[in-house]
Amino acid sequence: MTPTLPLGRDVAYPQHYDPTLLFPIARALGRDALGLVPSELPFIGNDRWHAYELSWLNPRGKPAVATATLTVPAASPRLVESKSLKLYLNSLNATRFDDAQAAR
């Protein structure tokens, strides 16, 4: 099954952890139109995402919270679609982890 872009669509709120919610977008879609070659990019850098409200449940069912920073190199072949990342992170809300390291 090929995932569909969630942006602009009503989607169900995830009830359990689901990594299939992440929707990759090929950077080539924009870069090809500019004539950019992946191995010869005229820039360097990263996409940086800040998750200010990341939560999950501890083994006893008590909510645990943290922040997260995700860094994706600009030279990577794909980026993540923002709504799919939000849904993915929200899928952690009702998932139990032994500790913060396990939630990582």
N, C-alpha and C. Protein backbone atom coordinates (compact mmCIF):
# COMPACT_ATOMS: atom_id res chain seq x y z
N MET A 1 0.84 -1.18 0.00
CA MET A 1 0.00 0.00 0.00
C MET A 1 0.89 1.25 0.00
N THR A 2 0.63 2.16 -0.89
CA THR A 2 1.38 3.40 -0.96
C THR A 2 0.69 4.44 -0.09
N PRO A 3 1.41 5.09 0.82
CA PRO A 3 0.78 6.10 1.66
C PRO A 3 0.39 7.31 0.83
N THR A 4 -0.63 8.02 1.29
CA THR A 4 -1.07 9.22 0.60
C THR A 4 -0.73 10.43 1.45
N LEU A 5 -0.47 11.53 0.79
CA LEU A 5 -0.12 12.77 1.46
C LEU A 5 -1.26 13.20 2.38
N PRO A 6 -1.01 13.37 3.69
CA PRO A 6 -2.08 13.75 4.60
C PRO A 6 -2.43 15.23 4.57
N LEU A 7 -1.55 16.06 4.03
CA LEU A 7 -1.78 17.49 4.02
C LEU A 7 -3.07 17.84 3.29
N GLY A 8 -3.92 18.63 3.92
CA GLY A 8 -5.17 19.06 3.30
C GLY A 8 -6.29 18.06 3.41
N ARG A 9 -6.06 16.95 4.09
CA ARG A 9 -7.10 15.93 4.25
C ARG A 9 -7.44 15.77 5.73
N ASP A 10 -8.70 15.38 5.99
CA ASP A 10 -9.06 14.99 7.34
C ASP A 10 -8.48 13.61 7.58
N VAL A 11 -7.81 13.45 8.68
CA VAL A 11 -7.23 12.15 9.02
C VAL A 11 -7.59 11.82 10.46
N ALA A 12 -7.68 10.54 10.74
CA ALA A 12 -8.00 10.10 12.10
C ALA A 12 -6.81 10.35 13.01
N TYR A 13 -7.10 10.72 14.24
CA TYR A 13 -6.06 10.92 15.24
C TYR A 13 -5.49 9.55 15.60
N PRO A 14 -4.18 9.38 15.56
CA PRO A 14 -3.60 8.06 15.84
C PRO A 14 -3.82 7.64 17.29
N GLN A 15 -4.18 6.37 17.47
CA GLN A 15 -4.43 5.83 18.80
C GLN A 15 -3.27 5.01 19.34
N HIS A 16 -2.30 4.71 18.50
CA HIS A 16 -1.13 3.94 18.92
C HIS A 16 0.05 4.31 18.04
N TYR A 17 1.23 3.97 18.52
CA TYR A 17 2.45 4.29 17.78
C TYR A 17 2.39 3.70 16.38
N ASP A 18 2.69 4.55 15.38
CA ASP A 18 2.60 4.09 14.00
C ASP A 18 3.62 4.81 13.12
N PRO A 19 4.79 4.20 12.89
CA PRO A 19 5.80 4.85 12.05
C PRO A 19 5.40 4.97 10.59
N THR A 20 4.36 4.24 10.17
CA THR A 20 3.92 4.35 8.77
C THR A 20 3.23 5.68 8.50
N LEU A 21 2.97 6.47 9.53
CA LEU A 21 2.36 7.79 9.34
C LEU A 21 3.32 8.77 8.67
N LEU A 22 4.61 8.53 8.79
CA LEU A 22 5.60 9.44 8.18
C LEU A 22 5.52 9.38 6.67
N PHE A 23 5.42 10.56 6.04
CA PHE A 23 5.28 10.64 4.59
C PHE A 23 6.51 11.35 4.02
N PRO A 24 7.35 10.63 3.30
CA PRO A 24 8.54 11.26 2.71
C PRO A 24 8.20 12.01 1.42
N ILE A 25 8.87 13.11 1.22
CA ILE A 25 8.73 13.87 -0.02
C ILE A 25 10.11 13.97 -0.66
N ALA A 26 10.20 13.58 -1.90
CA ALA A 26 11.50 13.61 -2.60
C ALA A 26 11.93 15.06 -2.81
N ARG A 27 13.13 15.37 -2.39
CA ARG A 27 13.67 16.72 -2.61
C ARG A 27 13.84 17.00 -4.10
N ALA A 28 14.00 15.94 -4.88
CA ALA A 28 14.19 16.09 -6.33
C ALA A 28 13.01 16.80 -6.98
N LEU A 29 11.82 16.71 -6.38
CA LEU A 29 10.65 17.38 -6.96
C LEU A 29 10.89 18.87 -7.16
N GLY A 30 11.55 19.51 -6.22
CA GLY A 30 11.85 20.93 -6.35
C GLY A 30 13.21 21.20 -6.96
N ARG A 31 14.15 20.34 -6.68
CA ARG A 31 15.52 20.59 -7.13
C ARG A 31 15.72 20.32 -8.62
N ASP A 32 15.01 19.35 -9.17
CA ASP A 32 15.12 19.07 -10.61
C ASP A 32 14.71 20.29 -11.43
N ALA A 33 13.66 20.97 -10.99
CA ALA A 33 13.19 22.15 -11.71
C ALA A 33 14.23 23.27 -11.71
N LEU A 34 15.11 23.26 -10.72
CA LEU A 34 16.16 24.27 -10.63
C LEU A 34 17.47 23.82 -11.26
N GLY A 35 17.47 22.60 -11.76
CA GLY A 35 18.68 22.05 -12.38
C GLY A 35 19.76 21.68 -11.39
N LEU A 36 19.38 21.40 -10.15
CA LEU A 36 20.36 21.04 -9.13
C LEU A 36 20.65 19.55 -9.16
N VAL A 37 21.92 19.22 -9.10
CA VAL A 37 22.38 17.83 -9.08
C VAL A 37 22.66 17.47 -7.62
N PRO A 38 22.09 16.36 -7.11
CA PRO A 38 22.25 16.01 -5.69
C PRO A 38 23.70 15.97 -5.21
N SER A 39 24.62 15.53 -6.03
CA SER A 39 26.02 15.44 -5.60
C SER A 39 26.78 16.76 -5.72
N GLU A 40 26.13 17.79 -6.28
CA GLU A 40 26.79 19.08 -6.50
C GLU A 40 25.93 20.24 -6.00
N LEU A 41 25.32 20.09 -4.85
CA LEU A 41 24.46 21.16 -4.32
C LEU A 41 25.28 22.41 -4.02
N PRO A 42 24.75 23.59 -4.35
CA PRO A 42 25.50 24.83 -4.11
C PRO A 42 25.30 25.36 -2.68
N PHE A 43 24.86 24.50 -1.77
CA PHE A 43 24.61 24.92 -0.40
C PHE A 43 24.82 23.72 0.53
N ILE A 44 24.92 24.04 1.81
CA ILE A 44 24.97 23.01 2.85
C ILE A 44 23.98 23.41 3.93
N GLY A 45 23.66 22.49 4.78
CA GLY A 45 22.77 22.84 5.88
C GLY A 45 21.91 21.67 6.30
N ASN A 46 20.95 21.99 7.15
CA ASN A 46 20.06 20.98 7.70
C ASN A 46 18.65 21.53 7.79
N ASP A 47 17.69 20.63 7.75
CA ASP A 47 16.32 20.97 8.13
C ASP A 47 16.27 20.67 9.63
N ARG A 48 15.80 21.60 10.41
CA ARG A 48 15.71 21.39 11.85
C ARG A 48 14.26 21.54 12.28
N TRP A 49 13.78 20.51 12.91
CA TRP A 49 12.40 20.47 13.41
C TRP A 49 12.45 20.48 14.94
N HIS A 50 11.62 21.31 15.55
CA HIS A 50 11.53 21.35 17.01
C HIS A 50 10.14 20.84 17.41
N ALA A 51 10.11 19.83 18.23
CA ALA A 51 8.85 19.31 18.78
C ALA A 51 8.80 19.80 20.22
N TYR A 52 7.92 20.75 20.47
CA TYR A 52 7.86 21.36 21.79
C TYR A 52 6.97 20.59 22.77
N GLU A 53 6.14 19.70 22.25
CA GLU A 53 5.25 18.91 23.11
C GLU A 53 5.27 17.45 22.68
N LEU A 54 6.25 16.74 23.12
CA LEU A 54 6.38 15.32 22.84
C LEU A 54 5.98 14.57 24.10
N SER A 55 5.05 13.62 23.99
CA SER A 55 4.63 12.90 25.19
C SER A 55 4.39 11.43 24.89
N TRP A 56 4.49 10.64 25.94
CA TRP A 56 4.25 9.20 25.90
C TRP A 56 3.85 8.79 27.31
N LEU A 57 3.59 7.53 27.51
CA LEU A 57 3.22 7.03 28.83
C LEU A 57 4.38 6.23 29.42
N ASN A 58 4.57 6.38 30.74
CA ASN A 58 5.58 5.54 31.39
C ASN A 58 4.95 4.16 31.63
N PRO A 59 5.70 3.20 32.16
CA PRO A 59 5.15 1.85 32.33
C PRO A 59 3.88 1.77 33.18
N ARG A 60 3.69 2.76 34.07
CA ARG A 60 2.50 2.76 34.92
C ARG A 60 1.34 3.53 34.31
N GLY A 61 1.53 4.09 33.12
CA GLY A 61 0.47 4.83 32.44
C GLY A 61 0.46 6.31 32.71
N LYS A 62 1.45 6.82 33.42
CA LYS A 62 1.55 8.25 33.70
C LYS A 62 2.18 8.95 32.51
N PRO A 63 1.60 10.08 32.07
CA PRO A 63 2.19 10.80 30.94
C PRO A 63 3.59 11.33 31.26
N ALA A 64 4.47 11.19 30.31
CA ALA A 64 5.82 11.75 30.39
C ALA A 64 5.96 12.72 29.23
N VAL A 65 6.66 13.81 29.46
CA VAL A 65 6.79 14.83 28.41
C VAL A 65 8.25 15.21 28.20
N ALA A 66 8.51 15.68 27.01
CA ALA A 66 9.86 16.13 26.65
C ALA A 66 9.75 17.02 25.42
N THR A 67 10.85 17.59 25.04
CA THR A 67 10.96 18.27 23.76
C THR A 67 11.93 17.46 22.91
N ALA A 68 11.89 17.70 21.62
CA ALA A 68 12.79 16.98 20.72
C ALA A 68 13.23 17.90 19.60
N THR A 69 14.42 17.67 19.12
CA THR A 69 14.93 18.36 17.94
C THR A 69 15.34 17.29 16.94
N LEU A 70 14.80 17.39 15.74
CA LEU A 70 15.14 16.46 14.67
C LEU A 70 15.94 17.23 13.63
N THR A 71 17.05 16.67 13.21
CA THR A 71 17.91 17.32 12.23
C THR A 71 18.08 16.39 11.03
N VAL A 72 17.75 16.92 9.84
CA VAL A 72 17.84 16.16 8.60
C VAL A 72 18.78 16.91 7.66
N PRO A 73 19.85 16.29 7.20
CA PRO A 73 20.78 16.97 6.30
C PRO A 73 20.09 17.44 5.01
N ALA A 74 20.44 18.64 4.57
CA ALA A 74 19.85 19.18 3.34
C ALA A 74 20.20 18.33 2.13
N ALA A 75 21.26 17.55 2.20
CA ALA A 75 21.66 16.70 1.08
C ALA A 75 20.91 15.37 1.05
N SER A 76 20.05 15.12 2.04
CA SER A 76 19.29 13.86 2.05
C SER A 76 18.32 13.83 0.87
N PRO A 77 18.00 12.66 0.35
CA PRO A 77 17.14 12.57 -0.82
C PRO A 77 15.67 12.92 -0.55
N ARG A 78 15.27 12.87 0.72
CA ARG A 78 13.87 13.15 1.04
C ARG A 78 13.78 14.03 2.28
N LEU A 79 12.65 14.71 2.40
CA LEU A 79 12.30 15.42 3.62
C LEU A 79 10.98 14.84 4.11
N VAL A 80 10.61 15.16 5.33
CA VAL A 80 9.37 14.63 5.87
C VAL A 80 8.28 15.69 5.76
N GLU A 81 7.10 15.26 5.36
CA GLU A 81 5.95 16.18 5.25
C GLU A 81 5.52 16.54 6.67
N SER A 82 5.27 17.83 6.92
CA SER A 82 5.07 18.33 8.28
C SER A 82 3.86 17.74 9.00
N LYS A 83 2.73 17.61 8.33
CA LYS A 83 1.55 17.05 9.00
C LYS A 83 1.78 15.59 9.36
N SER A 84 2.47 14.86 8.50
CA SER A 84 2.74 13.46 8.82
C SER A 84 3.67 13.34 10.03
N LEU A 85 4.62 14.27 10.16
CA LEU A 85 5.50 14.27 11.33
C LEU A 85 4.70 14.55 12.59
N LYS A 86 3.79 15.50 12.51
CA LYS A 86 2.94 15.82 13.66
C LYS A 86 2.10 14.61 14.07
N LEU A 87 1.49 13.95 13.09
CA LEU A 87 0.69 12.76 13.39
C LEU A 87 1.55 11.65 13.99
N TYR A 88 2.74 11.46 13.43
CA TYR A 88 3.66 10.45 13.95
C TYR A 88 4.02 10.73 15.41
N LEU A 89 4.41 11.97 15.70
CA LEU A 89 4.77 12.31 17.07
C LEU A 89 3.58 12.15 18.01
N ASN A 90 2.39 12.51 17.53
CA ASN A 90 1.19 12.34 18.35
C ASN A 90 0.86 10.87 18.57
N SER A 91 1.32 10.00 17.69
CA SER A 91 1.04 8.57 17.85
C SER A 91 1.77 8.00 19.07
N LEU A 92 2.73 8.75 19.60
CA LEU A 92 3.43 8.31 20.81
C LEU A 92 2.61 8.55 22.08
N ASN A 93 1.60 9.43 22.01
CA ASN A 93 0.87 9.86 23.20
C ASN A 93 0.32 8.73 24.06
N ALA A 94 -0.20 7.69 23.46
CA ALA A 94 -0.82 6.59 24.21
C ALA A 94 0.05 5.34 24.26
N THR A 95 1.32 5.51 23.93
CA THR A 95 2.25 4.38 23.90
C THR A 95 3.08 4.35 25.17
N ARG A 96 3.22 3.18 25.76
CA ARG A 96 4.02 3.03 26.98
C ARG A 96 5.47 2.68 26.63
N PHE A 97 6.38 3.39 27.28
CA PHE A 97 7.80 3.13 27.15
C PHE A 97 8.40 2.99 28.54
N ASP A 98 9.44 2.18 28.67
CA ASP A 98 10.08 1.97 29.96
C ASP A 98 10.73 3.23 30.50
N ASP A 99 11.30 4.03 29.60
CA ASP A 99 11.97 5.27 30.01
C ASP A 99 12.14 6.16 28.79
N ALA A 100 12.68 7.36 29.01
CA ALA A 100 12.85 8.32 27.91
C ALA A 100 13.76 7.77 26.82
N GLN A 101 14.76 7.00 27.20
CA GLN A 101 15.67 6.43 26.21
C GLN A 101 14.92 5.47 25.28
N ALA A 102 14.01 4.69 25.82
CA ALA A 102 13.22 3.76 25.00
C ALA A 102 12.29 4.52 24.07
N ALA A 103 11.81 5.68 24.50
CA ALA A 103 10.92 6.49 23.66
C ALA A 103 11.69 7.11 22.51
N ARG A 104 12.99 7.24 22.67
CA ARG A 104 13.84 7.81 21.64
C ARG A 104 13.82 6.98 20.41
